[in-house]
């Protein structure tokens, strides 16, 4: 299971610990709000895919705007894998 804390840790790593002042990482935090480029978001998605041995739906991953959406999409992929289904 992917957690908000896990994604927050990956964001901190991508941002090298430098978050915009006053930003608190939670499910409603926007990925742009923390200053992530699309490449950095892709790196986070790739890391989650490798660590959890899943594959995100690429079209849905491109539309993710918040930490919570990213967590939900990842957990949806884990659930799909758990029942042996593959994304079409």
C-alpha atoms as a PDB file:
ATOM      1  CA  UNK A   1       0.000   0.000   0.000  1.00  0.00           C
ATOM      2  CA  UNK A   2       1.245   3.432  -0.954  1.00  0.00           C
ATOM      3  CA  UNK A   3       0.869   6.103   1.726  1.00  0.00           C
ATOM      4  CA  UNK A   4       0.862   9.889   1.767  1.00  0.00           C
ATOM      5  CA  UNK A   5       3.969   9.702   3.964  1.00  0.00           C
ATOM      6  CA  UNK A   6       5.795   7.588   1.379  1.00  0.00           C
ATOM      7  CA  UNK A   7       4.981  10.036  -1.413  1.00  0.00           C
ATOM      8  CA  UNK A   8       5.900  12.981   0.849  1.00  0.00           C
ATOM      9  CA  UNK A   9       9.304  11.379   1.476  1.00  0.00           C
ATOM     10  CA  UNK A  10       9.843  10.970  -2.273  1.00  0.00           C
ATOM     11  CA  UNK A  11       8.886  14.611  -2.817  1.00  0.00           C
ATOM     12  CA  UNK A  12      11.368  15.734  -0.169  1.00  0.00           C
ATOM     13  CA  UNK A  13      14.029  13.635  -1.881  1.00  0.00           C
ATOM     14  CA  UNK A  14      13.244  15.095  -5.319  1.00  0.00           C
ATOM     15  CA  UNK A  15      13.253  18.630  -3.890  1.00  0.00           C
ATOM     16  CA  UNK A  16      16.418  17.872  -1.897  1.00  0.00           C
ATOM     17  CA  UNK A  17      14.620  18.938   1.275  1.00  0.00           C
ATOM     18  CA  UNK A  18      13.846  22.404  -0.116  1.00  0.00           C
ATOM     19  CA  UNK A  19      10.102  22.948  -0.048  1.00  0.00           C
ATOM     20  CA  UNK A  20       8.416  26.312  -0.548  1.00  0.00           C
ATOM     21  CA  UNK A  21       7.890  28.135   2.741  1.00  0.00           C
ATOM     22  CA  UNK A  22       4.659  27.256   4.509  1.00  0.00           C
ATOM     23  CA  UNK A  23       3.919  24.153   2.433  1.00  0.00           C
ATOM     24  CA  UNK A  24       2.716  21.178   4.456  1.00  0.00           C
ATOM     25  CA  UNK A  25       2.704  17.859   2.619  1.00  0.00           C
ATOM     26  CA  UNK A  26      -0.681  16.185   2.868  1.00  0.00           C
ATOM     27  CA  UNK A  27      -3.243  14.517   0.610  1.00  0.00           C
ATOM     28  CA  UNK A  28      -4.598  17.840  -0.695  1.00  0.00           C
ATOM     29  CA  UNK A  29      -1.185  19.343  -1.441  1.00  0.00           C
ATOM     30  CA  UNK A  30      -0.743  20.134  -5.130  1.00  0.00           C
ATOM     31  CA  UNK A  31       2.320  18.752  -6.879  1.00  0.00           C
ATOM     32  CA  UNK A  32       2.912  22.112  -8.582  1.00  0.00           C
ATOM     33  CA  UNK A  33       2.511  23.807  -5.188  1.00  0.00           C
ATOM     34  CA  UNK A  34       5.650  22.045  -3.950  1.00  0.00           C
ATOM     35  CA  UNK A  35       7.563  23.066  -7.071  1.00  0.00           C
ATOM     36  CA  UNK A  36       7.811  19.708  -8.818  1.00  0.00           C
ATOM     37  CA  UNK A  37       8.471  19.659 -12.542  1.00  0.00           C
ATOM     38  CA  UNK A  38       6.724  17.095 -14.715  1.00  0.00           C
ATOM     39  CA  UNK A  39      10.041  15.225 -14.904  1.00  0.00           C
ATOM     40  CA  UNK A  40      10.246  15.075 -11.096  1.00  0.00           C
ATOM     41  CA  UNK A  41       6.666  13.780 -10.893  1.00  0.00           C
ATOM     42  CA  UNK A  42       7.592  11.123 -13.468  1.00  0.00           C
ATOM     43  CA  UNK A  43      10.592  10.124 -11.333  1.00  0.00           C
ATOM     44  CA  UNK A  44       8.329   9.723  -8.297  1.00  0.00           C
ATOM     45  CA  UNK A  45       5.867   7.612 -10.290  1.00  0.00           C
ATOM     46  CA  UNK A  46       8.730   5.476 -11.637  1.00  0.00           C
ATOM     47  CA  UNK A  47      10.108   4.966  -8.115  1.00  0.00           C
ATOM     48  CA  UNK A  48       6.688   3.908  -6.815  1.00  0.00           C
ATOM     49  CA  UNK A  49       6.265   1.511  -9.751  1.00  0.00           C
ATOM     50  CA  UNK A  50       9.625  -0.104  -9.053  1.00  0.00           C
ATOM     51  CA  UNK A  51       9.198  -0.316  -5.274  1.00  0.00           C
ATOM     52  CA  UNK A  52       5.699  -1.788  -5.460  1.00  0.00           C
ATOM     53  CA  UNK A  53       6.145  -3.758  -8.703  1.00  0.00           C
ATOM     54  CA  UNK A  54       3.136  -2.111 -10.320  1.00  0.00           C
ATOM     55  CA  UNK A  55       2.418  -0.042 -13.395  1.00  0.00           C
ATOM     56  CA  UNK A  56       0.497   3.216 -13.249  1.00  0.00           C
ATOM     57  CA  UNK A  57      -2.002   4.049 -15.967  1.00  0.00           C
ATOM     58  CA  UNK A  58       0.106   6.570 -17.916  1.00  0.00           C
ATOM     59  CA  UNK A  59      -2.835   8.740 -19.026  1.00  0.00           C
ATOM     60  CA  UNK A  60      -4.222   8.962 -15.500  1.00  0.00           C
ATOM     61  CA  UNK A  61      -0.780   9.582 -13.997  1.00  0.00           C
ATOM     62  CA  UNK A  62      -0.309  12.548 -16.348  1.00  0.00           C
ATOM     63  CA  UNK A  63      -3.489  14.125 -14.929  1.00  0.00           C
ATOM     64  CA  UNK A  64      -2.572  13.748 -11.244  1.00  0.00           C
ATOM     65  CA  UNK A  65      -2.580  17.106  -9.457  1.00  0.00           C
ATOM     66  CA  UNK A  66      -2.322  16.254  -5.745  1.00  0.00           C
ATOM     67  CA  UNK A  67      -0.462  13.878  -3.459  1.00  0.00           C
ATOM     68  CA  UNK A  68      -3.766  12.205  -2.578  1.00  0.00           C
ATOM     69  CA  UNK A  69      -4.581  11.562  -6.234  1.00  0.00           C
ATOM     70  CA  UNK A  70      -1.148  10.030  -6.764  1.00  0.00           C
ATOM     71  CA  UNK A  71      -1.582   7.772  -3.725  1.00  0.00           C
ATOM     72  CA  UNK A  72      -5.063   6.705  -4.867  1.00  0.00           C
ATOM     73  CA  UNK A  73      -3.876   5.934  -8.392  1.00  0.00           C
ATOM     74  CA  UNK A  74      -0.966   3.877  -7.090  1.00  0.00           C
ATOM     75  CA  UNK A  75      -3.163   1.950  -4.692  1.00  0.00           C
ATOM     76  CA  UNK A  76      -5.638   1.334  -7.501  1.00  0.00           C
ATOM     77  CA  UNK A  77      -2.789  -0.210  -9.519  1.00  0.00           C
ATOM     78  CA  UNK A  78      -1.799  -2.344  -6.533  1.00  0.00           C
ATOM     79  CA  UNK A  79      -5.409  -3.510  -6.216  1.00  0.00           C
ATOM     80  CA  UNK A  80      -5.542  -4.369  -9.907  1.00  0.00           C
ATOM     81  CA  UNK A  81      -2.324  -6.365  -9.633  1.00  0.00           C
ATOM     82  CA  UNK A  82      -3.624  -8.143  -6.548  1.00  0.00           C
ATOM     83  CA  UNK A  83      -6.503  -9.632  -8.514  1.00  0.00           C
ATOM     84  CA  UNK A  84      -4.367 -10.362 -11.574  1.00  0.00           C
ATOM     85  CA  UNK A  85      -5.965  -7.717 -13.792  1.00  0.00           C
ATOM     86  CA  UNK A  86      -3.889  -5.593 -16.119  1.00  0.00           C
ATOM     87  CA  UNK A  87      -4.592  -2.052 -17.263  1.00  0.00           C
ATOM     88  CA  UNK A  88      -5.868  -1.851 -20.808  1.00  0.00           C
END
